């Protein structure tokens, strides 16, 4: 019998139970810009038109009963109202599906007019349901000396689920700098053009009770996320339609006393991108499970106003669990219809200046 499998399932369940002393952290995506509304609701409707996006994360593939996380969104940008509107869906399964969290939300972003750059304010309100599949759990007292599994256990059955309303808030500032380069002889003088993004988001503001078993003080811990990035144009391999750029990015998460820093850079050219990042719990400790992240993707334009983007990333554990737990795989898809709008074309008075900054992936 696969005792290790069942033990891992029960362990995942026990670690997931909220109580006064033990609190879990939210799942985190390595390709965090592929789940932008999850990262910060101020990103809602960041791209022109209508955008469908989805991401799947398969974590620690060598561990029986690992973790799988899914996120999807439908967003539309409306320049006539300086707004973005979105619908999001999230699902996270732990311990071979023993513990499941589902989240369905509505997001809204408003960007007041600015002379330079764009400032975004975003909200997301969600209905969350967490439930336990008791039949997928096996406890130690169910395993006999020969490794056989019995149905009898002294563990008290918990079939109930819990649901609550959750709220996120975020701000984002996007602005351009540089761009006044002139070619003098064989060299360029001046600063290259940079498309910058700085944001802060607060998650679980409603302090909701997520207990499945009636424990006290089992509130979802507040998560604070800060992120920043730039797209910096490079002079080599430049053409009228293609530009080479590199993009440094940084993300910092703080929740329940645990902080995680993710940083690295991407290279982009003609719809292709590759990137390398490193994710580390702070302060750095070799017993923590830190990871080196490799990612790549491609954007294909199907029509004048339609594009499809595919992305993939792999996390290689460098410390902590190391290679024994297997890596982390993420697959992303995004479809954008750039000309889709809610309002009539005659009312798009802000379309020329609203959100002129380049977007990330």
Foldseek 3Di string as FASTA:
>chain_A
DPVQLQVQLQVFVVQPFFFPPHADDDDDDPPCLLVVCVQALLCAQLAFAKKKKKKWKDFLVLRRFAKIKIKIKIKHQALLQQKMKMWMWIWMAGRVRQKIKIKIKIKMKHWDDDPFWTKIKMKIKIKMKIFGDVVSHADPVQQDPVRDGDPDDPDDDQGAMDMDMWMKIKMKTWGKDKCPWDDDPPDIDTAFIKIKMWMKMKIRPVQDAGHRPPHPPRTRWIKIKIKMKMWTWDDPPDDPPKTKTKMWMWMWMDTPRKIKIKIWMWIDIDFKIKIKIKIAIPPHDLQDFIWIKIKIKGKDAPDPQKIKIKMKMKTQTDGNVGPSSPIMIMIMMMMGRNPHHDDDPVSSPRVVPNSPGDRDD
